[in-house]
Amino acid sequence: MKDDDTRVDAYLAHLNRVIPEYHLADLRYLTADGFFGKVKFVDGLEH
């Protein structure tokens, strides 16, 4: 993680690590705080 990364960047990096590791590619729903309704987070999950 870089010094200028945000909390959203950190959570996206975490999800990008664990989704393949735990075979969660078919995950359809995610329960999260409204803070993570930001476009940056949602778009980062689509990739």
N, C-alpha and C. Protein backbone atom coordinates (compact mmCIF):
# COMPACT_ATOMS: atom_id res chain seq x y z
N MET A 1 0.84 -1.18 0.00
CA MET A 1 0.00 0.00 0.00
C MET A 1 0.88 1.24 0.00
N LYS A 2 0.53 2.19 -0.84
CA LYS A 2 1.29 3.44 -0.93
C LYS A 2 0.74 4.45 0.07
N ASP A 3 1.52 5.46 0.36
CA ASP A 3 1.12 6.49 1.32
C ASP A 3 -0.13 7.24 0.88
N ASP A 4 -0.33 7.39 -0.43
CA ASP A 4 -1.47 8.17 -0.91
C ASP A 4 -2.70 7.31 -1.21
N ASP A 5 -2.65 6.02 -0.89
CA ASP A 5 -3.81 5.15 -1.08
C ASP A 5 -4.87 5.50 -0.04
N THR A 6 -6.12 5.38 -0.45
CA THR A 6 -7.24 5.66 0.44
C THR A 6 -7.73 4.36 1.07
N ARG A 7 -8.67 4.47 1.96
CA ARG A 7 -9.28 3.29 2.56
C ARG A 7 -9.96 2.44 1.49
N VAL A 8 -10.58 3.09 0.53
CA VAL A 8 -11.21 2.37 -0.58
C VAL A 8 -10.16 1.57 -1.35
N ASP A 9 -9.01 2.17 -1.61
CA ASP A 9 -7.93 1.46 -2.31
C ASP A 9 -7.49 0.23 -1.52
N ALA A 10 -7.36 0.38 -0.21
CA ALA A 10 -6.93 -0.73 0.64
C ALA A 10 -7.94 -1.87 0.63
N TYR A 11 -9.22 -1.55 0.73
CA TYR A 11 -10.25 -2.59 0.73
C TYR A 11 -10.35 -3.27 -0.62
N LEU A 12 -10.20 -2.51 -1.70
CA LEU A 12 -10.22 -3.12 -3.03
C LEU A 12 -9.04 -4.06 -3.22
N ALA A 13 -7.88 -3.65 -2.75
CA ALA A 13 -6.70 -4.51 -2.84
C ALA A 13 -6.92 -5.80 -2.06
N HIS A 14 -7.52 -5.68 -0.89
CA HIS A 14 -7.80 -6.87 -0.08
C HIS A 14 -8.76 -7.81 -0.81
N LEU A 15 -9.85 -7.27 -1.33
CA LEU A 15 -10.81 -8.11 -2.04
C LEU A 15 -10.20 -8.75 -3.27
N ASN A 16 -9.37 -8.01 -3.97
CA ASN A 16 -8.72 -8.57 -5.17
C ASN A 16 -7.76 -9.70 -4.81
N ARG A 17 -7.26 -9.72 -3.58
CA ARG A 17 -6.41 -10.83 -3.13
C ARG A 17 -7.25 -12.03 -2.70
N VAL A 18 -8.31 -11.81 -1.93
CA VAL A 18 -9.05 -12.93 -1.35
C VAL A 18 -10.06 -13.57 -2.29
N ILE A 19 -10.60 -12.84 -3.22
CA ILE A 19 -11.60 -13.42 -4.13
C ILE A 19 -11.02 -14.60 -4.90
N PRO A 20 -9.86 -14.46 -5.56
CA PRO A 20 -9.31 -15.64 -6.25
C PRO A 20 -8.84 -16.74 -5.29
N GLU A 21 -8.28 -16.33 -4.15
CA GLU A 21 -7.73 -17.29 -3.21
C GLU A 21 -8.81 -18.21 -2.63
N TYR A 22 -9.98 -17.66 -2.37
CA TYR A 22 -11.07 -18.44 -1.78
C TYR A 22 -12.15 -18.81 -2.81
N HIS A 23 -11.83 -18.64 -4.07
CA HIS A 23 -12.74 -19.03 -5.16
C HIS A 23 -14.11 -18.35 -5.03
N LEU A 24 -14.09 -17.06 -4.84
CA LEU A 24 -15.31 -16.29 -4.66
C LEU A 24 -15.72 -15.54 -5.91
N ALA A 25 -15.26 -15.97 -7.06
CA ALA A 25 -15.55 -15.26 -8.30
C ALA A 25 -17.05 -15.19 -8.59
N ASP A 26 -17.81 -16.15 -8.08
CA ASP A 26 -19.25 -16.16 -8.31
C ASP A 26 -20.02 -15.35 -7.27
N LEU A 27 -19.30 -14.67 -6.40
CA LEU A 27 -19.93 -13.83 -5.38
C LEU A 27 -20.81 -12.79 -6.05
N ARG A 28 -22.06 -12.73 -5.63
CA ARG A 28 -23.01 -11.81 -6.27
C ARG A 28 -23.38 -10.63 -5.40
N TYR A 29 -23.29 -10.78 -4.09
CA TYR A 29 -23.73 -9.73 -3.18
C TYR A 29 -22.64 -9.44 -2.15
N LEU A 30 -22.57 -8.19 -1.77
CA LEU A 30 -21.63 -7.75 -0.75
C LEU A 30 -22.36 -6.79 0.17
N THR A 31 -22.32 -7.06 1.43
CA THR A 31 -22.92 -6.15 2.41
C THR A 31 -21.83 -5.21 2.90
N ALA A 32 -22.08 -3.92 2.75
CA ALA A 32 -21.06 -2.94 3.14
C ALA A 32 -21.74 -1.66 3.60
N ASP A 33 -20.98 -0.86 4.28
CA ASP A 33 -21.42 0.45 4.71
C ASP A 33 -21.68 1.34 3.49
N GLY A 34 -22.53 2.32 3.62
CA GLY A 34 -22.84 3.22 2.52
C GLY A 34 -21.63 3.96 1.97
N PHE A 35 -20.59 4.09 2.77
CA PHE A 35 -19.36 4.74 2.33
C PHE A 35 -18.82 4.05 1.08
N PHE A 36 -19.03 2.75 0.99
CA PHE A 36 -18.48 1.98 -0.11
C PHE A 36 -19.41 1.95 -1.33
N GLY A 37 -20.42 2.78 -1.32
CA GLY A 37 -21.26 2.96 -2.49
C GLY A 37 -20.61 3.90 -3.49
N LYS A 38 -19.42 4.37 -3.18
CA LYS A 38 -18.71 5.30 -4.06
C LYS A 38 -18.37 4.61 -5.37
N VAL A 39 -18.38 5.38 -6.42
CA VAL A 39 -18.10 4.85 -7.76
C VAL A 39 -16.76 4.14 -7.82
N LYS A 40 -15.75 4.69 -7.17
CA LYS A 40 -14.41 4.10 -7.20
C LYS A 40 -14.44 2.66 -6.66
N PHE A 41 -15.19 2.41 -5.60
CA PHE A 41 -15.26 1.08 -5.00
C PHE A 41 -16.08 0.14 -5.88
N VAL A 42 -17.22 0.58 -6.33
CA VAL A 42 -18.10 -0.27 -7.15
C VAL A 42 -17.41 -0.61 -8.46
N ASP A 43 -16.81 0.36 -9.11
CA ASP A 43 -16.09 0.09 -10.36
C ASP A 43 -14.90 -0.84 -10.13
N GLY A 44 -14.24 -0.71 -8.99
CA GLY A 44 -13.11 -1.57 -8.69
C GLY A 44 -13.50 -3.00 -8.48
N LEU A 45 -14.73 -3.25 -8.05
CA LEU A 45 -15.20 -4.62 -7.87
C LEU A 45 -15.60 -5.26 -9.18
N GLU A 46 -15.93 -4.48 -10.16
CA GLU A 46 -16.38 -5.03 -11.44
C GLU A 46 -15.24 -5.57 -12.27
N HIS A 47 -14.02 -5.26 -11.93
CA HIS A 47 -12.86 -5.66 -12.76
C HIS A 47 -12.24 -6.92 -12.31
